[in-house]
Amino acid sequence: MNRTNYLMEIFYLSGIIGIISQFLGELETSYIILLALLILDTVTGMVVAIRHRRFSSRGLAKLLKKVIPYTVSIITVRLLEIGMLPLFETTILSEVMIAFLQITEAVSILENLTLLGVPIPSNFITILLNHLKIPGLDKVLEASRKNEQDISDIDEMIKYQIPTFECQYVRKLLEIKFQVCKSIALQIKNQLKEKDEDNHELMYYKTMAFIELGFKEMQEQWKEEKILQQYIDELHKIHYYKVNRWLQKVRAICYSQQSLEEKKEQLIDGLIIVLYQAILDARKLLCNQGGSR
């Protein structure tokens, strides 16, 4: 009976692979390469997590969360291309999507290798992108970079600054704080619209709503992760006036006569400065306690 079930599972899996291969056609090899990069990114990410004592089983779950959306997205684009066959035949859309996903995973792998101490030339990615000859890829990458450039500093602090803290409570506290603040920055960037530009009061209260909900979520996550209250209280004591100073600037920025984009930029820049100060204050906290624990 077990043998029959095993054969049936192989049959179903072969059928799924066959269907995907039929849809992808000439793109099958590119998709296999993407899967290989996903696995390599997951493995190197887990090694980094182990080295910095942050390992959990979520790494494998993230792999599945990437594979399924990636596959569905690629098949959807491929179906669109097949639907356009009566007009013209093309695979450009699929090629651009798969290439973009491959580059995203490759960059993540290189970042993981950097964290592991592997010497990677700083201009390697730039050289790689300059030599890629894929129609439309430059515009896609440029749009992506423009959308994310305002919060790239937060990502870099999460990847390169926070893992250097040996104290697990401070490290986890900062991880949660920075992830929540990244979410706040994205809300400011994406949810403040042109209609809010002239209504200063509405813009201010929307921005403060993002911040207050984020701070509430931060407290709840700290509680769920069982961060010792003494670390939360002591960091708050050192860091509070800097956060409060930024909140005062938030009001001044929202009520200013600047353009919407200038206001967004200043709000996010101010938040990033506060996070850099949080890194320094966390180190000061550990020094006051006589070193990391």
Protein backbone atom coordinates (compact mmCIF):
# COMPACT_ATOMS: atom_id res chain seq x y z
CA MET A 1 0.00 0.00 0.00
CA ASN A 2 2.83 2.35 0.92
CA ARG A 3 4.54 1.49 -2.36
CA THR A 4 1.36 2.38 -4.27
CA ASN A 5 1.09 5.73 -2.45
CA TYR A 6 4.74 6.40 -3.18
CA LEU A 7 4.25 5.71 -6.89
CA MET A 8 1.15 7.90 -6.95
CA GLU A 9 3.09 10.78 -5.36
CA ILE A 10 5.81 10.39 -8.01
CA PHE A 11 3.11 10.34 -10.70
CA TYR A 12 1.47 13.53 -9.42
CA LEU A 13 4.84 15.28 -9.01
CA SER A 14 5.87 14.25 -12.54
CA GLY A 15 2.56 15.56 -13.85
CA ILE A 16 3.04 18.94 -12.15
CA ILE A 17 6.60 19.19 -13.45
CA GLY A 18 5.37 18.24 -16.92
CA ILE A 19 2.69 20.95 -16.85
CA ILE A 20 5.19 23.58 -15.71
CA SER A 21 7.66 22.48 -18.39
CA GLN A 22 4.91 22.71 -21.04
CA PHE A 23 4.10 26.26 -20.01
CA LEU A 24 7.72 27.40 -19.72
CA GLY A 25 8.96 25.86 -22.95
CA GLU A 26 12.40 27.29 -23.72
CA LEU A 27 12.45 29.01 -20.31
CA GLU A 28 12.67 25.71 -18.43
CA THR A 29 16.46 25.94 -17.97
CA SER A 30 16.19 29.51 -16.65
CA TYR A 31 13.54 28.41 -14.15
CA ILE A 32 15.77 25.54 -12.93
CA ILE A 33 18.61 28.03 -12.46
CA LEU A 34 16.26 30.27 -10.45
CA LEU A 35 15.31 27.33 -8.21
CA ALA A 36 19.01 26.55 -7.69
CA LEU A 37 19.66 30.18 -6.70
CA LEU A 38 16.72 30.09 -4.29
CA ILE A 39 18.09 27.00 -2.59
CA LEU A 40 21.62 28.45 -2.44
CA ASP A 41 20.28 31.71 -0.99
CA THR A 42 18.38 29.76 1.67
CA VAL A 43 21.44 27.64 2.57
CA THR A 44 23.82 30.62 2.81
CA GLY A 45 21.21 32.58 4.78
CA MET A 46 20.89 29.72 7.27
CA VAL A 47 24.69 29.53 7.65
CA VAL A 48 24.75 33.27 8.40
CA ALA A 49 21.93 32.83 10.92
CA ILE A 50 23.81 29.98 12.63
CA ARG A 51 27.01 32.03 12.80
CA HIS A 52 25.16 34.95 14.39
CA ARG A 53 23.09 32.66 16.62
CA ARG A 54 19.79 33.58 14.96
CA PHE A 55 18.93 30.24 13.37
CA SER A 56 15.34 29.07 13.23
CA SER A 57 13.26 26.72 11.08
CA ARG A 58 11.67 29.74 9.38
CA GLY A 59 14.46 29.69 6.79
CA LEU A 60 12.99 26.65 5.05
CA ALA A 61 9.49 28.11 5.27
CA LYS A 62 10.75 31.24 3.50
CA LEU A 63 12.02 29.05 0.66
CA LEU A 64 8.49 27.70 0.06
CA LYS A 65 7.03 31.19 0.37
CA LYS A 66 9.32 32.29 -2.45
CA VAL A 67 9.00 29.23 -4.71
CA ILE A 68 5.20 29.27 -4.88
CA PRO A 69 4.70 33.01 -5.67
CA TYR A 70 7.64 32.98 -8.10
CA THR A 71 6.19 29.97 -9.94
CA VAL A 72 2.67 31.38 -10.06
CA SER A 73 3.97 34.76 -11.29
CA ILE A 74 6.09 33.21 -14.03
CA ILE A 75 3.26 30.93 -15.21
CA THR A 76 0.83 33.88 -15.23
CA VAL A 77 3.17 35.93 -17.40
CA ARG A 78 3.78 32.93 -19.66
CA LEU A 79 0.01 32.42 -20.05
CA LEU A 80 -0.28 36.06 -21.07
CA GLU A 81 2.38 35.52 -23.72
CA ILE A 82 0.61 32.38 -24.98
CA GLY A 83 -2.65 34.34 -25.12
CA MET A 84 -0.96 36.90 -27.39
CA LEU A 85 0.13 34.24 -29.91
CA PRO A 86 -2.62 35.19 -32.42
CA LEU A 87 -1.01 38.66 -32.56
CA PHE A 88 2.69 37.87 -32.17
CA GLU A 89 5.00 35.39 -30.49
CA THR A 90 7.22 36.59 -27.63
CA THR A 91 8.97 35.42 -24.45
CA ILE A 92 10.43 38.80 -23.51
CA LEU A 93 8.11 39.30 -20.52
CA SER A 94 9.02 35.91 -19.04
CA GLU A 95 12.71 36.45 -19.73
CA VAL A 96 12.70 39.80 -17.96
CA MET A 97 10.79 38.45 -14.95
CA ILE A 98 12.97 35.36 -14.49
CA ALA A 99 16.18 37.35 -15.03
CA PHE A 100 15.09 39.94 -12.46
CA LEU A 101 14.30 37.23 -9.91
CA GLN A 102 17.63 35.51 -10.62
CA ILE A 103 19.52 38.76 -10.05
CA THR A 104 17.59 39.43 -6.84
CA GLU A 105 18.55 36.00 -5.48
CA ALA A 106 22.15 36.32 -6.70
CA VAL A 107 22.56 39.66 -4.92
CA SER A 108 21.13 38.13 -1.73
CA ILE A 109 23.59 35.22 -1.99
CA LEU A 110 26.51 37.64 -2.42
CA GLU A 111 25.35 39.61 0.63
CA ASN A 112 25.22 36.39 2.65
CA LEU A 113 28.74 35.48 1.48
CA THR A 114 29.94 38.94 2.51
CA LEU A 115 28.52 38.37 6.01
CA LEU A 116 30.42 35.07 6.09
CA GLY A 117 33.68 36.87 5.35
CA VAL A 118 34.04 35.91 1.68
CA PRO A 119 35.83 38.76 -0.17
CA ILE A 120 33.46 40.08 -2.86
CA PRO A 121 34.57 43.05 -5.04
CA SER A 122 32.40 46.04 -4.23
CA ASN A 123 31.71 46.78 -7.91
CA PHE A 124 30.90 43.19 -8.86
CA ILE A 125 27.13 43.67 -9.05
CA THR A 126 27.48 46.86 -11.11
CA ILE A 127 29.75 45.09 -13.61
CA LEU A 128 27.35 42.14 -13.78
CA LEU A 129 24.33 44.33 -14.54
CA ASN A 130 26.21 46.39 -17.11
CA HIS A 131 27.07 43.27 -19.11
CA LEU A 132 23.58 41.75 -19.09
CA LYS A 133 21.84 42.08 -22.45
CA ILE A 134 18.17 41.44 -21.62
CA PRO A 135 15.48 43.59 -23.27
CA GLY A 136 13.77 45.91 -20.80
CA LEU A 137 15.81 44.76 -17.79
CA ASP A 138 17.51 48.12 -17.22
CA LYS A 139 14.16 49.90 -16.85
CA VAL A 140 12.82 47.26 -14.46
CA LEU A 141 15.91 47.43 -12.25
CA GLU A 142 15.97 51.22 -12.30
CA ALA A 143 12.30 51.37 -11.25
CA SER A 144 12.96 48.89 -8.45
CA ARG A 145 16.02 50.79 -7.21
CA LYS A 146 14.09 54.07 -7.25
CA ASN A 147 11.26 52.53 -5.23
CA GLU A 148 13.55 51.06 -2.59
CA GLN A 149 16.41 53.56 -2.40
CA ASP A 150 14.87 55.49 0.49
CA ILE A 151 14.87 52.46 2.79
CA SER A 152 18.08 50.77 1.64
CA ASP A 153 19.90 52.17 4.69
CA ILE A 154 17.46 50.35 6.98
CA ASP A 155 18.06 47.05 5.16
CA GLU A 156 21.83 47.54 5.42
CA MET A 157 21.62 48.19 9.17
CA ILE A 158 19.50 45.06 9.62
CA LYS A 159 21.97 42.93 7.66
CA TYR A 160 25.32 44.37 8.71
CA GLN A 161 24.95 46.30 11.99
CA ILE A 162 22.47 44.37 14.12
CA PRO A 163 24.12 40.91 13.73
CA THR A 164 27.29 42.30 15.38
CA PHE A 165 25.51 42.54 18.76
CA GLU A 166 26.36 39.51 20.87
CA CYS A 167 23.61 40.11 23.42
CA GLN A 168 20.63 38.15 22.09
CA TYR A 169 18.05 40.37 23.81
CA VAL A 170 19.44 43.61 22.40
CA ARG A 171 19.90 42.01 18.98
CA LYS A 172 16.30 40.77 18.85
CA LEU A 173 14.98 44.04 20.24
CA LEU A 174 16.74 45.97 17.47
CA GLU A 175 15.67 43.52 14.75
CA ILE A 176 12.02 44.03 15.65
CA LYS A 177 12.41 47.80 15.99
CA PHE A 178 14.10 48.14 12.61
CA GLN A 179 11.66 45.87 10.76
CA VAL A 180 8.70 47.82 12.14
CA CYS A 181 10.35 51.15 11.27
CA LYS A 182 10.98 49.85 7.76
CA SER A 183 7.25 49.16 7.51
CA ILE A 184 6.51 52.71 8.73
CA ALA A 185 8.88 54.14 6.09
CA LEU A 186 7.16 52.13 3.35
CA GLN A 187 3.74 53.36 4.50
CA ILE A 188 4.95 56.96 4.42
CA LYS A 189 6.42 56.42 0.96
CA ASN A 190 3.49 54.57 -0.60
CA GLN A 191 0.34 55.69 1.24
CA LEU A 192 0.80 59.45 1.42
CA LYS A 193 -0.83 60.64 -1.81
CA GLU A 194 -1.05 63.89 -3.75
CA LYS A 195 -4.46 64.61 -2.21
CA ASP A 196 -2.71 64.87 1.19
CA GLU A 197 -0.20 67.47 -0.03
CA ASP A 198 -2.40 70.53 0.51
CA ASN A 199 -4.28 69.16 3.51
CA HIS A 200 -1.48 69.50 6.06
CA GLU A 201 -3.57 68.38 9.01
CA LEU A 202 -4.70 65.19 7.27
CA MET A 203 -1.14 64.39 6.24
CA TYR A 204 0.11 64.87 9.79
CA TYR A 205 -2.54 62.66 11.38
CA LYS A 206 -2.10 59.92 8.75
CA THR A 207 1.66 59.92 9.34
CA MET A 208 1.21 59.82 13.12
CA ALA A 209 -1.26 56.93 12.71
CA PHE A 210 1.41 54.94 10.83
CA ILE A 211 3.92 55.69 13.58
CA GLU A 212 1.63 54.96 16.54
CA LEU A 213 0.41 51.67 15.08
CA GLY A 214 4.00 50.72 14.34
CA PHE A 215 5.13 51.49 17.89
CA LYS A 216 2.23 49.45 19.26
CA GLU A 217 3.16 46.52 17.02
CA MET A 218 6.77 46.85 18.18
CA GLN A 219 5.74 46.54 21.83
CA GLU A 220 3.59 43.48 21.07
CA GLN A 221 6.41 41.74 19.20
CA TRP A 222 8.87 42.47 22.00
CA LYS A 223 6.41 40.87 24.40
CA GLU A 224 5.91 37.82 22.16
CA GLU A 225 9.68 37.34 21.83
CA LYS A 226 10.03 37.64 25.64
CA ILE A 227 12.57 40.45 25.50
CA LEU A 228 13.62 41.26 29.05
CA GLN A 229 11.86 44.42 30.18
CA GLN A 230 15.05 45.86 31.65
CA TYR A 231 16.60 46.12 28.17
CA ILE A 232 13.48 47.79 26.77
CA ASP A 233 13.33 50.28 29.66
CA GLU A 234 17.02 51.13 29.63
CA LEU A 235 17.17 51.66 25.87
CA HIS A 236 14.00 53.75 26.06
CA LYS A 237 15.61 55.92 28.75
CA ILE A 238 18.66 56.59 26.55
CA HIS A 239 16.88 56.83 23.21
CA TYR A 240 13.55 58.47 24.05
CA TYR A 241 14.47 62.13 23.60
CA LYS A 242 15.86 61.44 20.10
CA VAL A 243 12.62 59.76 19.03
CA ASN A 244 10.63 62.59 20.57
CA ARG A 245 12.73 65.16 18.72
CA TRP A 246 11.99 63.37 15.43
CA LEU A 247 8.25 63.30 16.22
CA GLN A 248 8.33 67.07 16.71
CA LYS A 249 9.98 67.43 13.30
CA VAL A 250 7.26 65.23 11.77
CA ARG A 251 4.66 67.88 12.57
CA ALA A 252 6.82 70.70 11.18
CA ILE A 253 7.46 68.76 7.95
CA CYS A 254 3.80 67.86 7.38
CA TYR A 255 2.69 71.48 7.87
CA SER A 256 5.45 72.93 5.67
CA GLN A 257 4.92 74.31 2.16
CA GLN A 258 7.26 71.80 0.50
CA SER A 259 6.23 69.34 -2.19
CA LEU A 260 4.86 65.92 -1.27
CA GLU A 261 8.03 64.13 -2.40
CA GLU A 262 10.23 66.48 -0.37
CA LYS A 263 8.10 65.86 2.70
CA LYS A 264 8.30 62.08 2.27
CA GLU A 265 12.05 62.25 1.82
CA GLN A 266 12.53 64.33 4.96
CA LEU A 267 10.23 62.12 7.05
CA ILE A 268 12.06 58.94 6.01
CA ASP A 269 15.51 60.54 6.33
CA GLY A 270 14.62 61.61 9.86
CA LEU A 271 13.50 58.09 10.73
CA ILE A 272 16.75 56.63 9.34
CA ILE A 273 18.80 59.05 11.46
CA VAL A 274 16.86 57.93 14.56
CA LEU A 275 17.68 54.29 13.72
CA TYR A 276 21.39 55.05 13.35
CA GLN A 277 21.18 56.73 16.75
CA ALA A 278 19.44 53.62 18.12
CA ILE A 279 22.48 51.52 17.10
CA LEU A 280 24.79 53.88 19.01
CA ASP A 281 22.45 54.01 22.00
CA ALA A 282 22.22 50.20 22.12
CA ARG A 283 26.02 50.01 22.26
CA LYS A 284 26.00 52.65 24.98
CA LEU A 285 23.46 50.56 26.88
CA LEU A 286 25.73 47.51 26.79
CA CYS A 287 28.75 49.58 27.82
CA ASN A 288 26.81 50.92 30.80
CA GLN A 289 26.07 47.32 31.79
CA GLY A 290 29.73 46.42 31.64
CA GLY A 291 29.77 44.84 28.13
CA SER A 292 27.61 42.57 26.02
CA ARG A 293 25.99 39.55 27.61
